[in-house]
C-alpha atoms as a PDB file:
ATOM      1  CA  UNK A   1       0.029   0.002  -0.152  1.00  0.00           C
ATOM      2  CA  UNK A   2       1.408   3.660  -0.985  1.00  0.00           C
ATOM      3  CA  UNK A   3       0.807   6.141   1.304  1.00  0.00           C
ATOM      4  CA  UNK A   4       0.728  10.161   0.540  1.00  0.00           C
ATOM      5  CA  UNK A   5       2.756  10.514   4.418  1.00  0.00           C
ATOM      6  CA  UNK A   6       4.614   8.803   7.082  1.00  0.00           C
ATOM      7  CA  UNK A   7       2.374  10.107   9.914  1.00  0.00           C
ATOM      8  CA  UNK A   8       0.288   7.589  11.571  1.00  0.00           C
ATOM      9  CA  UNK A   9      -3.144   9.791  10.696  1.00  0.00           C
ATOM     10  CA  UNK A  10      -1.734   9.820   7.652  1.00  0.00           C
ATOM     11  CA  UNK A  11      -1.219   5.821   7.060  1.00  0.00           C
ATOM     12  CA  UNK A  12      -5.034   5.473   8.552  1.00  0.00           C
ATOM     13  CA  UNK A  13      -6.639   7.959   6.011  1.00  0.00           C
ATOM     14  CA  UNK A  14      -4.951   9.459   3.383  1.00  0.00           C
ATOM     15  CA  UNK A  15      -4.040   6.755   0.139  1.00  0.00           C
ATOM     16  CA  UNK A  16      -2.318   8.336  -2.861  1.00  0.00           C
ATOM     17  CA  UNK A  17      -3.791   9.234  -5.889  1.00  0.00           C
ATOM     18  CA  UNK A  18      -1.328   5.746  -7.405  1.00  0.00           C
ATOM     19  CA  UNK A  19      -3.160   3.481  -5.479  1.00  0.00           C
ATOM     20  CA  UNK A  20      -6.621   4.549  -6.394  1.00  0.00           C
ATOM     21  CA  UNK A  21      -5.285   4.442 -10.318  1.00  0.00           C
ATOM     22  CA  UNK A  22      -3.608   0.975  -9.326  1.00  0.00           C
ATOM     23  CA  UNK A  23      -7.622  -0.038  -8.135  1.00  0.00           C
ATOM     24  CA  UNK A  24      -8.770   0.849 -11.212  1.00  0.00           C
ATOM     25  CA  UNK A  25      -5.822  -1.075 -13.212  1.00  0.00           C
ATOM     26  CA  UNK A  26      -7.006  -4.168 -11.550  1.00  0.00           C
ATOM     27  CA  UNK A  27     -10.637  -3.464 -11.595  1.00  0.00           C
ATOM     28  CA  UNK A  28     -10.537  -3.615 -15.294  1.00  0.00           C
ATOM     29  CA  UNK A  29      -8.454  -6.110 -15.614  1.00  0.00           C
ATOM     30  CA  UNK A  30     -11.097  -8.368 -13.897  1.00  0.00           C
ATOM     31  CA  UNK A  31     -13.702  -7.177 -15.923  1.00  0.00           C
ATOM     32  CA  UNK A  32     -11.610  -7.478 -18.953  1.00  0.00           C
ATOM     33  CA  UNK A  33     -11.056 -11.055 -17.906  1.00  0.00           C
ATOM     34  CA  UNK A  34     -14.455 -11.639 -17.686  1.00  0.00           C
ATOM     35  CA  UNK A  35     -15.648 -10.323 -20.867  1.00  0.00           C
ATOM     36  CA  UNK A  36     -12.930 -12.406 -22.616  1.00  0.00           C
ATOM     37  CA  UNK A  37     -14.159 -15.151 -20.843  1.00  0.00           C
ATOM     38  CA  UNK A  38     -17.783 -14.819 -21.820  1.00  0.00           C
ATOM     39  CA  UNK A  39     -16.740 -14.310 -25.818  1.00  0.00           C
ATOM     40  CA  UNK A  40     -14.761 -17.528 -25.702  1.00  0.00           C
ATOM     41  CA  UNK A  41     -17.981 -19.374 -24.506  1.00  0.00           C
ATOM     42  CA  UNK A  42     -20.046 -17.911 -27.562  1.00  0.00           C
ATOM     43  CA  UNK A  43     -20.583 -20.379 -30.402  1.00  0.00           C
ATOM     44  CA  UNK A  44     -19.178 -18.671 -33.844  1.00  0.00           C
ATOM     45  CA  UNK A  45     -23.096 -18.636 -34.990  1.00  0.00           C
ATOM     46  CA  UNK A  46     -24.066 -16.758 -31.823  1.00  0.00           C
ATOM     47  CA  UNK A  47     -21.238 -14.201 -32.644  1.00  0.00           C
ATOM     48  CA  UNK A  48     -22.462 -13.381 -35.687  1.00  0.00           C
ATOM     49  CA  UNK A  49     -25.897 -13.121 -34.656  1.00  0.00           C
ATOM     50  CA  UNK A  50     -24.917 -10.292 -32.284  1.00  0.00           C
ATOM     51  CA  UNK A  51     -22.530  -8.719 -34.339  1.00  0.00           C
ATOM     52  CA  UNK A  52     -25.134  -8.253 -37.083  1.00  0.00           C
ATOM     53  CA  UNK A  53     -27.756  -7.037 -34.374  1.00  0.00           C
ATOM     54  CA  UNK A  54     -25.864  -4.605 -32.828  1.00  0.00           C
ATOM     55  CA  UNK A  55     -22.759  -3.680 -35.761  1.00  0.00           C
ATOM     56  CA  UNK A  56     -23.202   0.446 -36.498  1.00  0.00           C
ATOM     57  CA  UNK A  57     -26.305   0.523 -33.853  1.00  0.00           C
ATOM     58  CA  UNK A  58     -25.991   3.355 -31.271  1.00  0.00           C
ATOM     59  CA  UNK A  59     -25.517   2.123 -27.501  1.00  0.00           C
ATOM     60  CA  UNK A  60     -27.786   4.657 -26.234  1.00  0.00           C
ATOM     61  CA  UNK A  61     -31.097   4.717 -28.318  1.00  0.00           C
ATOM     62  CA  UNK A  62     -30.444   2.116 -30.820  1.00  0.00           C
ATOM     63  CA  UNK A  63     -30.625   3.723 -33.853  1.00  0.00           C
ATOM     64  CA  UNK A  64     -27.944   3.567 -36.973  1.00  0.00           C
ATOM     65  CA  UNK A  65     -24.920   5.432 -36.820  1.00  0.00           C
ATOM     66  CA  UNK A  66     -23.225   7.382 -39.469  1.00  0.00           C
ATOM     67  CA  UNK A  67     -19.429   7.355 -40.025  1.00  0.00           C
ATOM     68  CA  UNK A  68     -18.185  11.099 -40.347  1.00  0.00           C
ATOM     69  CA  UNK A  69     -14.714  11.814 -40.981  1.00  0.00           C
ATOM     70  CA  UNK A  70     -13.453  14.689 -38.246  1.00  0.00           C
ATOM     71  CA  UNK A  71      -9.989  15.849 -38.442  1.00  0.00           C
ATOM     72  CA  UNK A  72      -9.068  13.274 -40.066  1.00  0.00           C
ATOM     73  CA  UNK A  73     -10.360  10.439 -37.608  1.00  0.00           C
ATOM     74  CA  UNK A  74     -13.538   8.726 -38.597  1.00  0.00           C
ATOM     75  CA  UNK A  75     -16.148   8.767 -35.467  1.00  0.00           C
ATOM     76  CA  UNK A  76     -19.631   7.077 -35.179  1.00  0.00           C
ATOM     77  CA  UNK A  77     -22.431   9.562 -34.898  1.00  0.00           C
ATOM     78  CA  UNK A  78     -26.124   9.344 -34.104  1.00  0.00           C
ATOM     79  CA  UNK A  79     -28.202  11.559 -35.361  1.00  0.00           C
ATOM     80  CA  UNK A  80     -31.000  10.248 -33.594  1.00  0.00           C
ATOM     81  CA  UNK A  81     -29.672  10.973 -29.610  1.00  0.00           C
ATOM     82  CA  UNK A  82     -26.409  12.686 -30.605  1.00  0.00           C
ATOM     83  CA  UNK A  83     -24.053  10.656 -29.317  1.00  0.00           C
ATOM     84  CA  UNK A  84     -20.638  10.296 -30.956  1.00  0.00           C
ATOM     85  CA  UNK A  85     -19.141   7.071 -30.114  1.00  0.00           C
ATOM     86  CA  UNK A  86     -14.851   6.365 -30.976  1.00  0.00           C
ATOM     87  CA  UNK A  87     -13.733   2.891 -31.837  1.00  0.00           C
ATOM     88  CA  UNK A  88     -10.151   1.712 -30.168  1.00  0.00           C
ATOM     89  CA  UNK A  89      -7.371   3.827 -30.664  1.00  0.00           C
ATOM     90  CA  UNK A  90      -9.354   6.890 -31.675  1.00  0.00           C
ATOM     91  CA  UNK A  91      -9.367   8.927 -28.715  1.00  0.00           C
ATOM     92  CA  UNK A  92      -5.796   8.830 -29.187  1.00  0.00           C
ATOM     93  CA  UNK A  93      -5.750  10.436 -32.418  1.00  0.00           C
ATOM     94  CA  UNK A  94      -7.820  13.106 -31.581  1.00  0.00           C
ATOM     95  CA  UNK A  95      -6.077  13.956 -28.494  1.00  0.00           C
ATOM     96  CA  UNK A  96      -2.834  14.736 -30.119  1.00  0.00           C
ATOM     97  CA  UNK A  97      -4.859  17.582 -32.241  1.00  0.00           C
ATOM     98  CA  UNK A  98      -4.607  20.850 -30.297  1.00  0.00           C
ATOM     99  CA  UNK A  99      -7.993  22.119 -29.492  1.00  0.00           C
ATOM    100  CA  UNK A 100      -9.942  18.901 -30.391  1.00  0.00           C
ATOM    101  CA  UNK A 101     -11.751  18.678 -27.850  1.00  0.00           C
ATOM    102  CA  UNK A 102     -13.687  21.790 -28.252  1.00  0.00           C
ATOM    103  CA  UNK A 103     -13.943  21.836 -31.443  1.00  0.00           C
ATOM    104  CA  UNK A 104     -15.795  18.245 -31.673  1.00  0.00           C
ATOM    105  CA  UNK A 105     -18.110  19.778 -28.921  1.00  0.00           C
ATOM    106  CA  UNK A 106     -18.819  22.447 -31.625  1.00  0.00           C
ATOM    107  CA  UNK A 107     -18.346  20.499 -34.573  1.00  0.00           C
ATOM    108  CA  UNK A 108     -21.315  17.619 -33.069  1.00  0.00           C
ATOM    109  CA  UNK A 109     -23.771  19.993 -31.485  1.00  0.00           C
ATOM    110  CA  UNK A 110     -26.980  19.886 -32.141  1.00  0.00           C
END
């Protein structure tokens, strides 16, 4: 356990941000392993059925997603509820561009 101070009071009450982040990483690792086990238990037919059912559908409202190119990155936009969804790696691509968050907020606002 990593603490922010060596005082007796700190040992009982103050936990560093690093420990909190470590707890989150461990929880994410547990969840990832559980989802991998779930995925391994699916048959090929069930995987195909689920993919056809959910492919390019908004996770919030269920309508179709449209692929929009924003600052050179393809993002998925729902024109039903206004949601914007990023695939793995797309946030990192956008984050490397100055002012990307404000531009995205303005670009995709209703």
